[in-house]
């Protein structure tokens, strides 16, 4: 079996490619089984099945390791414009490559026992291996990439407001309750709870000026949470609209091709494959 055939199998397949679809389903089942084990292992009822759980993890980790090696080997087909060495390096340090690597490491690290077993919680990262197989997860990734500038700006505004609120509250409340607002970091903790609408209640203002300031910051906190929410909502609407237009364009192309096969090549490129809009 040549490299290109292996590449088509381990990548997200289509319905007509049976081996690729079987591989995709097996990978999803392996990830789901590992997540179930990670949860079930925290119950005392799992003790009688400790040996079985260990063997299942061994087999799935071997599968993940082989999958990781194959993806590195075929990375030059994924990044065709790069040389084989650069393509493999790019995959290793990509988000998908890091997740694939971390899918195997927790089991090997946790085998040492003791405090190292805490690293087994990293197994939850295996769920990200199936993000290529779910359209909604791909939509989330596309929206975050397109709106990262606006999101970073909103996060920067929130951080500036939190620093200003922490310093303000420290100056207003330090003399009244020095044990609660011991330093600026104590005010930062209070500002984070207030602006993010969590409100643990472990630190509260007692002076009149502090209460007035806290009330104002509480209203501002609602707006701070609404800003990134609005950005993401607009991004989802925009992305769904693009996908709908692309789907309609594909249907038009298929109908045109079935009605007049001779003009299929001409009509196929009459619509943008990314946004679905008709080309002039």
Protein backbone atom coordinates (compact mmCIF):
# COMPACT_ATOMS: atom_id res chain seq x y z
CA UNK A 1 0.00 0.00 0.00
CA UNK A 2 1.55 3.31 -1.10
CA UNK A 3 1.84 6.47 0.95
CA UNK A 4 -0.98 8.33 -0.81
CA UNK A 5 -3.45 5.53 -0.15
CA UNK A 6 -2.50 5.48 3.54
CA UNK A 7 -2.92 9.25 3.60
CA UNK A 8 -6.44 9.06 2.16
CA UNK A 9 -7.37 6.40 4.72
CA UNK A 10 -6.16 8.21 7.86
CA UNK A 11 -7.58 11.57 6.77
CA UNK A 12 -11.28 12.35 7.07
CA UNK A 13 -12.89 10.04 4.53
CA UNK A 14 -16.00 10.17 2.41
CA UNK A 15 -18.93 7.80 2.22
CA UNK A 16 -17.66 6.13 -0.95
CA UNK A 17 -14.28 5.26 0.61
CA UNK A 18 -15.11 2.35 2.91
CA UNK A 19 -11.64 1.79 4.48
CA UNK A 20 -11.35 5.48 5.32
CA UNK A 21 -14.83 5.59 6.86
CA UNK A 22 -14.10 2.48 8.92
CA UNK A 23 -10.86 4.05 10.13
CA UNK A 24 -12.66 7.27 11.08
CA UNK A 25 -15.33 5.37 13.01
CA UNK A 26 -12.73 3.24 14.81
CA UNK A 27 -10.77 6.35 15.82
CA UNK A 28 -13.90 8.06 17.17
CA UNK A 29 -14.84 4.93 19.13
CA UNK A 30 -11.31 4.71 20.58
CA UNK A 31 -11.48 8.34 21.72
CA UNK A 32 -14.96 7.85 23.22
CA UNK A 33 -13.80 4.70 25.02
CA UNK A 34 -10.82 6.53 26.52
CA UNK A 35 -13.01 9.38 27.75
CA UNK A 36 -15.36 6.85 29.33
CA UNK A 37 -12.41 5.14 31.04
CA UNK A 38 -11.08 8.48 32.31
CA UNK A 39 -14.45 9.11 34.01
CA UNK A 40 -15.15 5.54 35.13
CA UNK A 41 -11.66 5.23 36.64
CA UNK A 42 -12.64 7.81 39.29
CA UNK A 43 -15.37 5.51 40.70
CA UNK A 44 -14.54 2.80 43.25
CA UNK A 45 -16.62 0.37 41.17
CA UNK A 46 -13.81 0.41 38.61
CA UNK A 47 -11.34 -1.38 40.90
CA UNK A 48 -12.35 -4.93 39.84
CA UNK A 49 -11.82 -3.93 36.19
CA UNK A 50 -8.40 -2.33 36.70
CA UNK A 51 -6.58 -4.96 34.64
CA UNK A 52 -9.10 -4.76 31.79
CA UNK A 53 -8.91 -0.96 31.81
CA UNK A 54 -5.11 -1.11 31.66
CA UNK A 55 -5.14 -3.43 28.65
CA UNK A 56 -7.74 -1.33 26.84
CA UNK A 57 -5.63 1.76 27.40
CA UNK A 58 -2.53 -0.05 26.16
CA UNK A 59 -4.23 -1.10 22.92
CA UNK A 60 -5.73 2.31 22.25
CA UNK A 61 -2.47 4.12 23.03
CA UNK A 62 -0.68 1.83 20.57
CA UNK A 63 -3.33 2.72 18.00
CA UNK A 64 -2.94 6.44 18.72
CA UNK A 65 0.85 6.14 18.48
CA UNK A 66 0.69 4.36 15.11
CA UNK A 67 -1.80 6.94 13.87
CA UNK A 68 0.53 9.75 15.01
CA UNK A 69 3.52 8.20 13.23
CA UNK A 70 1.52 7.70 10.02
CA UNK A 71 0.35 11.30 10.08
CA UNK A 72 3.95 12.49 10.45
CA UNK A 73 5.01 10.20 7.60
CA UNK A 74 2.30 11.50 5.27
CA UNK A 75 2.60 15.16 6.32
CA UNK A 76 4.26 16.04 2.99
CA UNK A 77 0.95 15.14 1.29
CA UNK A 78 -0.97 17.36 3.70
CA UNK A 79 1.37 20.31 3.12
CA UNK A 80 2.22 19.75 -0.53
CA UNK A 81 3.93 23.11 -0.98
CA UNK A 82 6.54 22.31 1.68
CA UNK A 83 9.45 19.92 1.57
CA UNK A 84 8.94 16.57 3.39
CA UNK A 85 11.11 17.63 6.34
CA UNK A 86 9.43 21.04 6.74
CA UNK A 87 5.99 19.47 6.34
CA UNK A 88 6.64 16.99 9.13
CA UNK A 89 7.99 19.69 11.42
CA UNK A 90 4.96 21.85 10.71
CA UNK A 91 2.59 18.98 11.55
CA UNK A 92 4.45 18.09 14.76
CA UNK A 93 4.12 21.66 16.07
CA UNK A 94 0.60 22.19 14.75
CA UNK A 95 -2.44 22.04 17.05
CA UNK A 96 -3.46 18.64 15.62
CA UNK A 97 0.07 17.26 16.02
CA UNK A 98 0.37 18.44 19.64
CA UNK A 99 -3.03 16.92 20.51
CA UNK A 100 -2.04 13.65 18.86
CA UNK A 101 1.20 13.55 20.86
CA UNK A 102 -0.54 14.38 24.14
CA UNK A 103 -3.01 11.56 23.43
CA UNK A 104 -0.20 9.07 24.04
CA UNK A 105 2.01 10.74 26.66
CA UNK A 106 -0.40 10.75 29.66
CA UNK A 107 -0.62 6.95 29.72
CA UNK A 108 3.16 6.56 29.58
CA UNK A 109 3.77 9.23 32.22
CA UNK A 110 1.04 7.92 34.52
CA UNK A 111 2.59 4.46 34.46
CA UNK A 112 5.15 5.79 36.92
CA UNK A 113 2.47 5.96 39.61
CA UNK A 114 2.37 8.30 42.55
CA UNK A 115 2.05 11.99 41.86
CA UNK A 116 2.62 11.41 38.14
CA UNK A 117 -0.87 9.92 37.88
CA UNK A 118 -2.29 13.44 38.00
CA UNK A 119 -1.13 13.82 34.40
CA UNK A 120 -3.74 11.28 33.35
CA UNK A 121 -6.26 14.11 33.29
CA UNK A 122 -4.60 15.21 30.05
CA UNK A 123 -6.37 12.23 28.44
CA UNK A 124 -9.38 14.49 28.01
CA UNK A 125 -7.43 16.14 25.16
CA UNK A 126 -8.09 13.02 23.10
CA UNK A 127 -11.59 14.31 22.49
CA UNK A 128 -10.06 17.01 20.27
CA UNK A 129 -8.93 14.30 17.88
CA UNK A 130 -12.49 14.03 16.60
CA UNK A 131 -12.85 17.75 15.80
CA UNK A 132 -12.16 17.00 12.14
CA UNK A 133 -15.18 14.69 12.01
CA UNK A 134 -17.80 17.13 13.28
CA UNK A 135 -18.93 20.08 11.18
CA UNK A 136 -20.06 22.14 14.21
CA UNK A 137 -16.59 21.90 15.73
CA UNK A 138 -15.01 23.02 12.46
CA UNK A 139 -17.39 25.97 12.38
CA UNK A 140 -16.27 27.00 15.87
CA UNK A 141 -12.64 26.86 14.78
CA UNK A 142 -13.34 28.92 11.65
CA UNK A 143 -15.21 31.56 13.65
CA UNK A 144 -12.44 31.85 16.25
CA UNK A 145 -9.82 32.26 13.53
CA UNK A 146 -11.80 34.93 11.68
CA UNK A 147 -12.75 36.88 14.80
CA UNK A 148 -9.52 36.50 16.76
CA UNK A 149 -8.65 40.18 16.30
CA UNK A 150 -11.94 41.41 17.74
CA UNK A 151 -11.84 38.84 20.52
CA UNK A 152 -8.30 39.83 21.53
CA UNK A 153 -9.36 43.48 21.59
CA UNK A 154 -12.31 42.73 23.86
CA UNK A 155 -10.12 40.64 26.17
CA UNK A 156 -7.60 43.49 26.33
CA UNK A 157 -10.36 45.93 27.32
CA UNK A 158 -11.54 43.54 30.06
CA UNK A 159 -8.00 43.20 31.45
CA UNK A 160 -7.50 46.98 31.52
CA UNK A 161 -10.82 47.42 33.32
CA UNK A 162 -9.96 44.69 35.82
CA UNK A 163 -6.60 46.30 36.67
CA UNK A 164 -8.23 49.72 37.10
CA UNK A 165 -11.03 48.23 39.24
CA UNK A 166 -8.58 46.32 41.45
CA UNK A 167 -6.47 49.39 42.16
CA UNK A 168 -9.55 51.52 42.78
CA UNK A 169 -11.11 49.02 45.17
CA UNK A 170 -7.81 48.53 47.01
CA UNK A 171 -7.56 52.25 47.68
CA UNK A 172 -11.20 52.44 48.81
CA UNK A 173 -11.29 49.34 51.03
CA UNK A 174 -7.77 48.74 52.31
CA UNK A 175 -8.10 50.83 55.45
CA UNK A 176 -11.57 49.44 56.30
CA UNK A 177 -10.63 45.76 55.86
CA UNK A 178 -6.88 45.31 55.37
CA UNK A 179 -7.17 41.54 55.77
CA UNK A 180 -9.51 41.26 52.74
CA UNK A 181 -7.86 43.86 50.51
CA UNK A 182 -4.30 43.22 51.59
CA UNK A 183 -2.75 44.26 48.28
CA UNK A 184 -3.65 45.04 44.69
CA UNK A 185 -3.89 41.34 43.86
CA UNK A 186 -6.72 40.96 46.36
CA UNK A 187 -8.54 43.73 44.52
CA UNK A 188 -7.81 41.98 41.22
CA UNK A 189 -9.42 38.80 42.54
CA UNK A 190 -12.50 40.75 43.57
CA UNK A 191 -12.61 42.57 40.21
CA UNK A 192 -12.42 39.28 38.31
CA UNK A 193 -15.31 37.82 40.31
CA UNK A 194 -17.42 40.94 39.86
CA UNK A 195 -16.74 41.77 36.21
CA UNK A 196 -17.16 38.16 35.11
CA UNK A 197 -20.46 37.97 37.04
CA UNK A 198 -19.32 35.05 39.22
CA UNK A 199 -19.48 36.79 42.58
CA UNK A 200 -18.11 34.27 45.07
CA UNK A 201 -18.78 36.63 47.95
CA UNK A 202 -15.53 35.85 49.76
CA UNK A 203 -14.43 39.49 49.37
CA UNK A 204 -17.07 42.27 49.46
CA UNK A 205 -16.85 46.05 49.93
CA UNK A 206 -18.06 47.47 53.26
CA UNK A 207 -17.55 51.21 52.79
CA UNK A 208 -20.09 53.41 51.03
CA UNK A 209 -17.61 54.43 48.33
CA UNK A 210 -16.64 50.80 47.81
CA UNK A 211 -20.27 49.73 47.45
CA UNK A 212 -20.99 52.46 44.93
CA UNK A 213 -17.89 51.53 42.95
CA UNK A 214 -18.83 47.84 43.13
CA UNK A 215 -22.32 48.56 41.83
CA UNK A 216 -20.97 50.46 38.83
CA UNK A 217 -18.44 47.74 38.07
CA UNK A 218 -21.15 45.08 38.28
CA UNK A 219 -23.10 46.81 35.51
CA UNK A 220 -19.91 47.19 33.48
CA UNK A 221 -19.18 43.49 33.98
CA UNK A 222 -22.41 42.53 32.22
CA UNK A 223 -21.31 44.60 29.23
CA UNK A 224 -17.83 43.10 29.26
CA UNK A 225 -19.26 39.58 29.01
CA UNK A 226 -21.68 40.67 26.29
CA UNK A 227 -18.95 42.05 24.00
CA UNK A 228 -17.20 38.74 23.13
CA UNK A 229 -20.56 36.98 23.12
CA UNK A 230 -21.85 39.39 20.47
CA UNK A 231 -18.68 38.98 18.40
CA UNK A 232 -18.97 35.19 18.43
CA UNK A 233 -22.70 35.30 17.67
CA UNK A 234 -22.13 37.54 14.65
CA UNK A 235 -19.33 35.28 13.51
CA UNK A 236 -21.53 32.17 13.72
CA UNK A 237 -24.31 33.84 11.73
CA UNK A 238 -21.83 34.93 9.09
CA UNK A 239 -20.22 31.48 8.84
CA UNK A 240 -23.55 29.67 8.64
CA UNK A 241 -24.65 32.05 5.88
CA UNK A 242 -21.46 31.34 3.91
CA UNK A 243 -21.94 27.59 4.30
CA UNK A 244 -25.56 27.84 3.17
CA UNK A 245 -24.61 29.82 0.07
CA UNK A 246 -21.87 27.32 -0.72
CA UNK A 247 -24.30 24.41 -0.38
CA UNK A 248 -26.81 26.10 -2.71
CA UNK A 249 -24.07 26.76 -5.26
CA UNK A 250 -23.00 23.11 -5.18
CA UNK A 251 -26.57 21.99 -5.76
CA UNK A 252 -26.89 24.35 -8.73
CA UNK A 253 -23.65 23.00 -10.19
CA UNK A 254 -24.82 19.40 -9.81
CA UNK A 255 -28.19 20.16 -11.40
CA UNK A 256 -26.51 21.99 -14.28
CA UNK A 257 -24.09 19.11 -14.81
CA UNK A 258 -26.92 16.57 -14.89
CA UNK A 259 -28.94 18.68 -17.36
CA UNK A 260 -26.03 19.50 -19.66
CA UNK A 261 -22.86 17.45 -19.02
CA UNK A 262 -20.98 19.24 -21.83
CA UNK A 263 -21.10 22.53 -19.91
CA UNK A 264 -20.19 21.02 -16.53
CA UNK A 265 -16.63 22.36 -16.46
CA UNK A 266 -17.82 25.82 -17.40
CA UNK A 267 -20.55 25.94 -14.77
CA UNK A 268 -18.42 24.36 -12.08
CA UNK A 269 -16.23 27.42 -11.90
CA UNK A 270 -19.12 29.91 -12.12
CA UNK A 271 -19.39 29.89 -8.32
CA UNK A 272 -16.77 30.59 -5.68
CA UNK A 273 -15.96 27.32 -3.86
CA UNK A 274 -15.46 29.21 -0.58
CA UNK A 275 -18.33 31.67 -0.32
CA UNK A 276 -20.72 30.24 -2.89
CA UNK A 277 -21.25 33.55 -4.69
CA UNK A 278 -21.58 33.63 -8.47
CA UNK A 279 -18.42 34.73 -10.25
CA UNK A 280 -18.58 37.40 -12.92
